[in-house]
Amino acid sequence: MIRKACTIALVFIAVTSMMAQPAPQNANGGRKVAVRVAPTYPELAKRMHLQGVVKIEAVVRPNGSVKSTRVLGGNPVLTDAAVEAVTKWKFEAGPDETSEVVQLTFTPQ
């Protein structure tokens, strides 16, 4: 009985420790941002008191520059500013072209 309880406890600990680890951003674990350019808060968004998150997929060249972007979600009033900023970002260099998903949060200033 005690042996069964210890086995169950060990399995529980193993499963919960695996669940506590953060999921990688993508299959290769993601590349770190070396230079991050903050987006310009659009005037229309300021006047409307808009806030929110814009999610963008960036295709990153091996040298770390952004090749292209694609909006995955967010308020259309904020997306242009987010794309403009992410296009200027620089990621760490890597052996291959990768796809990175990033989120930008807009809050009224």
N, C-alpha and C. Protein backbone atom coordinates (compact mmCIF):
# COMPACT_ATOMS: atom_id res chain seq x y z
N MET A 1 0.82 -1.20 0.00
CA MET A 1 0.00 0.00 0.00
C MET A 1 0.86 1.27 0.00
N ILE A 2 1.88 1.29 0.85
CA ILE A 2 2.76 2.45 0.93
C ILE A 2 3.55 2.59 -0.37
N ARG A 3 3.94 1.46 -0.92
CA ARG A 3 4.70 1.47 -2.17
C ARG A 3 3.85 2.07 -3.31
N LYS A 4 2.58 1.69 -3.35
CA LYS A 4 1.68 2.20 -4.37
C LYS A 4 1.48 3.72 -4.21
N ALA A 5 1.34 4.18 -2.99
CA ALA A 5 1.16 5.60 -2.71
C ALA A 5 2.41 6.39 -3.12
N CYS A 6 3.60 5.84 -2.85
CA CYS A 6 4.86 6.51 -3.23
C CYS A 6 4.98 6.58 -4.75
N THR A 7 4.59 5.51 -5.44
CA THR A 7 4.64 5.49 -6.90
C THR A 7 3.71 6.54 -7.48
N ILE A 8 2.51 6.62 -6.95
CA ILE A 8 1.54 7.62 -7.42
C ILE A 8 2.07 9.03 -7.15
N ALA A 9 2.66 9.25 -6.00
CA ALA A 9 3.21 10.57 -5.66
C ALA A 9 4.34 10.95 -6.62
N LEU A 10 5.22 10.01 -6.92
CA LEU A 10 6.33 10.28 -7.84
C LEU A 10 5.82 10.61 -9.24
N VAL A 11 4.82 9.86 -9.71
CA VAL A 11 4.24 10.13 -11.02
C VAL A 11 3.60 11.51 -11.03
N PHE A 12 2.89 11.86 -9.98
CA PHE A 12 2.25 13.16 -9.88
C PHE A 12 3.28 14.28 -9.92
N ILE A 13 4.38 14.14 -9.19
CA ILE A 13 5.43 15.15 -9.17
C ILE A 13 6.07 15.29 -10.55
N ALA A 14 6.32 14.17 -11.21
CA ALA A 14 6.93 14.21 -12.55
C ALA A 14 6.02 14.92 -13.55
N VAL A 15 4.75 14.59 -13.52
CA VAL A 15 3.79 15.19 -14.47
C VAL A 15 3.64 16.69 -14.21
N THR A 16 3.51 17.09 -12.95
CA THR A 16 3.33 18.52 -12.66
C THR A 16 4.58 19.32 -12.96
N SER A 17 5.77 18.74 -12.78
CA SER A 17 6.98 19.48 -13.10
C SER A 17 7.12 19.67 -14.61
N MET A 18 6.67 18.69 -15.40
CA MET A 18 6.71 18.83 -16.85
C MET A 18 5.71 19.88 -17.31
N MET A 19 4.58 19.98 -16.66
CA MET A 19 3.55 20.94 -17.05
C MET A 19 3.95 22.36 -16.67
N ALA A 20 4.81 22.53 -15.68
CA ALA A 20 5.19 23.85 -15.22
C ALA A 20 6.20 24.52 -16.14
N GLN A 21 6.84 23.78 -17.01
CA GLN A 21 7.83 24.36 -17.91
C GLN A 21 7.11 25.14 -19.00
N PRO A 22 7.62 26.35 -19.31
CA PRO A 22 6.98 27.15 -20.36
C PRO A 22 7.14 26.50 -21.72
N ALA A 23 6.12 26.63 -22.55
CA ALA A 23 6.18 26.07 -23.91
C ALA A 23 7.05 26.96 -24.78
N PRO A 24 7.85 26.38 -25.67
CA PRO A 24 8.67 27.21 -26.55
C PRO A 24 7.80 27.98 -27.51
N GLN A 25 8.31 29.13 -28.01
CA GLN A 25 7.55 29.95 -28.94
C GLN A 25 7.31 29.23 -30.26
N ASN A 26 8.28 28.43 -30.68
CA ASN A 26 8.12 27.65 -31.89
C ASN A 26 8.96 26.39 -31.77
N ALA A 27 9.01 25.60 -32.80
CA ALA A 27 9.67 24.30 -32.75
C ALA A 27 11.15 24.40 -32.40
N ASN A 28 11.83 25.46 -32.83
CA ASN A 28 13.26 25.57 -32.54
C ASN A 28 13.54 26.33 -31.26
N GLY A 29 12.53 26.67 -30.48
CA GLY A 29 12.72 27.34 -29.20
C GLY A 29 12.70 28.86 -29.27
N GLY A 30 12.67 29.42 -30.46
CA GLY A 30 12.58 30.87 -30.62
C GLY A 30 13.94 31.54 -30.59
N ARG A 31 14.04 32.65 -31.28
CA ARG A 31 15.26 33.45 -31.28
C ARG A 31 15.02 34.69 -30.44
N LYS A 32 16.02 35.10 -29.71
CA LYS A 32 15.90 36.27 -28.86
C LYS A 32 15.98 37.54 -29.70
N VAL A 33 15.26 38.54 -29.24
CA VAL A 33 15.28 39.84 -29.91
C VAL A 33 16.52 40.59 -29.43
N ALA A 34 17.36 41.01 -30.36
CA ALA A 34 18.57 41.76 -30.02
C ALA A 34 18.29 43.26 -29.99
N VAL A 35 17.49 43.75 -30.93
CA VAL A 35 17.11 45.16 -30.98
C VAL A 35 15.60 45.24 -31.17
N ARG A 36 14.94 45.85 -30.20
CA ARG A 36 13.47 45.96 -30.23
C ARG A 36 13.09 47.43 -30.41
N VAL A 37 12.33 47.73 -31.46
CA VAL A 37 11.86 49.08 -31.72
C VAL A 37 10.41 49.16 -31.22
N ALA A 38 10.14 50.12 -30.36
CA ALA A 38 8.79 50.29 -29.83
C ALA A 38 7.88 50.88 -30.90
N PRO A 39 6.64 50.40 -30.97
CA PRO A 39 5.71 50.95 -31.97
C PRO A 39 5.25 52.35 -31.58
N THR A 40 4.94 53.14 -32.57
CA THR A 40 4.37 54.47 -32.35
C THR A 40 2.87 54.29 -32.13
N TYR A 41 2.38 54.84 -31.03
CA TYR A 41 0.96 54.71 -30.72
C TYR A 41 0.17 55.58 -31.69
N PRO A 42 -0.70 54.99 -32.53
CA PRO A 42 -1.43 55.77 -33.53
C PRO A 42 -2.33 56.85 -32.91
N GLU A 43 -2.36 58.02 -33.56
CA GLU A 43 -3.17 59.13 -33.06
C GLU A 43 -4.65 58.75 -32.93
N LEU A 44 -5.17 58.03 -33.92
CA LEU A 44 -6.57 57.60 -33.87
C LEU A 44 -6.81 56.73 -32.65
N ALA A 45 -5.89 55.83 -32.35
CA ALA A 45 -6.03 54.96 -31.18
C ALA A 45 -5.99 55.78 -29.89
N LYS A 46 -5.15 56.81 -29.86
CA LYS A 46 -5.10 57.70 -28.68
C LYS A 46 -6.45 58.38 -28.47
N ARG A 47 -6.98 58.93 -29.57
CA ARG A 47 -8.26 59.65 -29.46
C ARG A 47 -9.40 58.72 -29.06
N MET A 48 -9.33 57.48 -29.50
CA MET A 48 -10.39 56.51 -29.19
C MET A 48 -10.12 55.76 -27.89
N HIS A 49 -8.97 56.05 -27.25
CA HIS A 49 -8.56 55.38 -26.02
C HIS A 49 -8.50 53.87 -26.21
N LEU A 50 -7.97 53.47 -27.38
CA LEU A 50 -7.84 52.04 -27.70
C LEU A 50 -6.60 51.45 -27.05
N GLN A 51 -6.74 50.23 -26.62
CA GLN A 51 -5.60 49.47 -26.13
C GLN A 51 -5.81 48.04 -26.56
N GLY A 52 -4.74 47.27 -26.57
CA GLY A 52 -4.88 45.88 -26.95
C GLY A 52 -3.55 45.27 -27.36
N VAL A 53 -3.64 44.04 -27.79
CA VAL A 53 -2.46 43.27 -28.17
C VAL A 53 -2.54 42.96 -29.66
N VAL A 54 -1.42 43.10 -30.35
CA VAL A 54 -1.31 42.73 -31.75
C VAL A 54 -0.32 41.57 -31.82
N LYS A 55 -0.72 40.50 -32.48
CA LYS A 55 0.12 39.33 -32.62
C LYS A 55 0.61 39.26 -34.06
N ILE A 56 1.94 39.14 -34.22
CA ILE A 56 2.55 39.16 -35.55
C ILE A 56 3.51 37.99 -35.71
N GLU A 57 3.48 37.40 -36.90
CA GLU A 57 4.46 36.38 -37.26
C GLU A 57 5.52 37.07 -38.11
N ALA A 58 6.77 36.95 -37.69
CA ALA A 58 7.88 37.56 -38.43
C ALA A 58 8.77 36.45 -38.98
N VAL A 59 9.06 36.53 -40.27
CA VAL A 59 10.03 35.61 -40.88
C VAL A 59 11.38 36.30 -40.75
N VAL A 60 12.31 35.61 -40.07
CA VAL A 60 13.61 36.20 -39.74
C VAL A 60 14.71 35.52 -40.55
N ARG A 61 15.52 36.33 -41.21
CA ARG A 61 16.65 35.83 -41.99
C ARG A 61 17.73 35.27 -41.05
N PRO A 62 18.66 34.47 -41.58
CA PRO A 62 19.74 33.96 -40.73
C PRO A 62 20.56 35.06 -40.05
N ASN A 63 20.68 36.23 -40.67
CA ASN A 63 21.46 37.32 -40.06
C ASN A 63 20.69 38.06 -38.97
N GLY A 64 19.41 37.73 -38.76
CA GLY A 64 18.61 38.33 -37.69
C GLY A 64 17.67 39.43 -38.14
N SER A 65 17.76 39.87 -39.39
CA SER A 65 16.85 40.91 -39.86
C SER A 65 15.50 40.29 -40.24
N VAL A 66 14.46 41.11 -40.17
CA VAL A 66 13.11 40.64 -40.47
C VAL A 66 12.89 40.71 -41.98
N LYS A 67 12.54 39.57 -42.55
CA LYS A 67 12.31 39.47 -44.00
C LYS A 67 10.88 39.88 -44.34
N SER A 68 9.92 39.38 -43.56
CA SER A 68 8.52 39.69 -43.81
C SER A 68 7.72 39.52 -42.53
N THR A 69 6.51 40.09 -42.54
CA THR A 69 5.62 39.98 -41.38
C THR A 69 4.21 39.61 -41.85
N ARG A 70 3.47 39.04 -40.91
CA ARG A 70 2.06 38.72 -41.18
C ARG A 70 1.29 38.91 -39.89
N VAL A 71 0.21 39.67 -39.95
CA VAL A 71 -0.61 39.93 -38.77
C VAL A 71 -1.44 38.69 -38.46
N LEU A 72 -1.35 38.22 -37.22
CA LEU A 72 -2.13 37.06 -36.79
C LEU A 72 -3.36 37.46 -36.00
N GLY A 73 -3.37 38.69 -35.48
CA GLY A 73 -4.53 39.13 -34.73
C GLY A 73 -4.29 40.48 -34.09
N GLY A 74 -5.38 41.15 -33.78
CA GLY A 74 -5.29 42.45 -33.11
C GLY A 74 -6.21 43.46 -33.75
N ASN A 75 -6.37 44.58 -33.08
CA ASN A 75 -7.22 45.65 -33.57
C ASN A 75 -6.60 46.26 -34.83
N PRO A 76 -7.38 46.38 -35.90
CA PRO A 76 -6.86 46.93 -37.16
C PRO A 76 -6.28 48.34 -37.03
N VAL A 77 -6.74 49.12 -36.08
CA VAL A 77 -6.21 50.46 -35.89
C VAL A 77 -4.76 50.40 -35.38
N LEU A 78 -4.41 49.30 -34.72
CA LEU A 78 -3.07 49.16 -34.13
C LEU A 78 -2.10 48.35 -34.97
N THR A 79 -2.61 47.56 -35.92
CA THR A 79 -1.75 46.61 -36.63
C THR A 79 -0.67 47.27 -37.49
N ASP A 80 -0.98 48.36 -38.17
CA ASP A 80 0.03 49.00 -39.02
C ASP A 80 1.24 49.46 -38.21
N ALA A 81 0.99 50.05 -37.06
CA ALA A 81 2.08 50.51 -36.20
C ALA A 81 2.91 49.33 -35.69
N ALA A 82 2.24 48.24 -35.38
CA ALA A 82 2.94 47.05 -34.90
C ALA A 82 3.82 46.45 -35.99
N VAL A 83 3.30 46.34 -37.20
CA VAL A 83 4.07 45.80 -38.32
C VAL A 83 5.27 46.70 -38.61
N GLU A 84 5.06 47.99 -38.61
CA GLU A 84 6.15 48.93 -38.87
C GLU A 84 7.27 48.77 -37.85
N ALA A 85 6.92 48.59 -36.60
CA ALA A 85 7.93 48.43 -35.55
C ALA A 85 8.67 47.10 -35.67
N VAL A 86 7.94 46.00 -35.84
CA VAL A 86 8.56 44.67 -35.90
C VAL A 86 9.47 44.54 -37.12
N THR A 87 9.13 45.20 -38.20
CA THR A 87 9.97 45.17 -39.39
C THR A 87 11.37 45.72 -39.09
N LYS A 88 11.49 46.61 -38.11
CA LYS A 88 12.77 47.21 -37.75
C LYS A 88 13.54 46.42 -36.68
N TRP A 89 12.91 45.39 -36.11
CA TRP A 89 13.57 44.60 -35.08
C TRP A 89 14.75 43.82 -35.66
N LYS A 90 15.69 43.49 -34.78
CA LYS A 90 16.81 42.60 -35.12
C LYS A 90 16.81 41.46 -34.10
N PHE A 91 16.90 40.24 -34.62
CA PHE A 91 16.96 39.06 -33.78
C PHE A 91 18.39 38.55 -33.75
N GLU A 92 18.67 37.64 -32.82
CA GLU A 92 19.99 37.01 -32.80
C GLU A 92 20.18 36.25 -34.11
N ALA A 93 21.42 36.20 -34.58
CA ALA A 93 21.72 35.45 -35.80
C ALA A 93 21.51 33.96 -35.56
N GLY A 94 21.18 33.25 -36.61
CA GLY A 94 20.95 31.80 -36.52
C GLY A 94 21.36 31.13 -37.81
N PRO A 95 21.39 29.81 -37.80
CA PRO A 95 21.84 29.09 -38.99
C PRO A 95 20.82 29.11 -40.13
N ASP A 96 19.56 29.25 -39.81
CA ASP A 96 18.51 29.16 -40.82
C ASP A 96 17.50 30.30 -40.67
N GLU A 97 16.68 30.46 -41.69
CA GLU A 97 15.54 31.37 -41.62
C GLU A 97 14.51 30.75 -40.69
N THR A 98 13.94 31.56 -39.81
CA THR A 98 12.94 31.05 -38.88
C THR A 98 11.70 31.93 -38.89
N SER A 99 10.66 31.42 -38.30
CA SER A 99 9.41 32.16 -38.15
C SER A 99 9.18 32.37 -36.65
N GLU A 100 9.05 33.62 -36.26
CA GLU A 100 8.88 33.96 -34.84
C GLU A 100 7.54 34.67 -34.66
N VAL A 101 6.82 34.29 -33.63
CA VAL A 101 5.55 34.94 -33.31
C VAL A 101 5.80 35.88 -32.14
N VAL A 102 5.44 37.16 -32.33
CA VAL A 102 5.64 38.16 -31.30
C VAL A 102 4.33 38.87 -31.00
N GLN A 103 4.24 39.41 -29.79
CA GLN A 103 3.06 40.16 -29.38
C GLN A 103 3.48 41.55 -28.94
N LEU A 104 2.76 42.55 -29.37
CA LEU A 104 3.00 43.91 -28.94
C LEU A 104 1.75 44.39 -28.23
N THR A 105 1.95 44.98 -27.06
CA THR A 105 0.83 45.46 -26.27
C THR A 105 0.78 46.99 -26.35
N PHE A 106 -0.36 47.48 -26.71
CA PHE A 106 -0.59 48.93 -26.80
C PHE A 106 -1.45 49.35 -25.62
N THR A 107 -0.94 50.33 -24.86
CA THR A 107 -1.72 50.90 -23.76
C THR A 107 -1.65 52.41 -23.90
N PRO A 108 -2.73 53.11 -23.57
CA PRO A 108 -2.72 54.58 -23.68
C PRO A 108 -1.61 55.19 -22.83
N GLN A 109 -0.98 56.21 -23.38
CA GLN A 109 0.14 56.87 -22.69
C GLN A 109 -0.39 57.95 -21.78
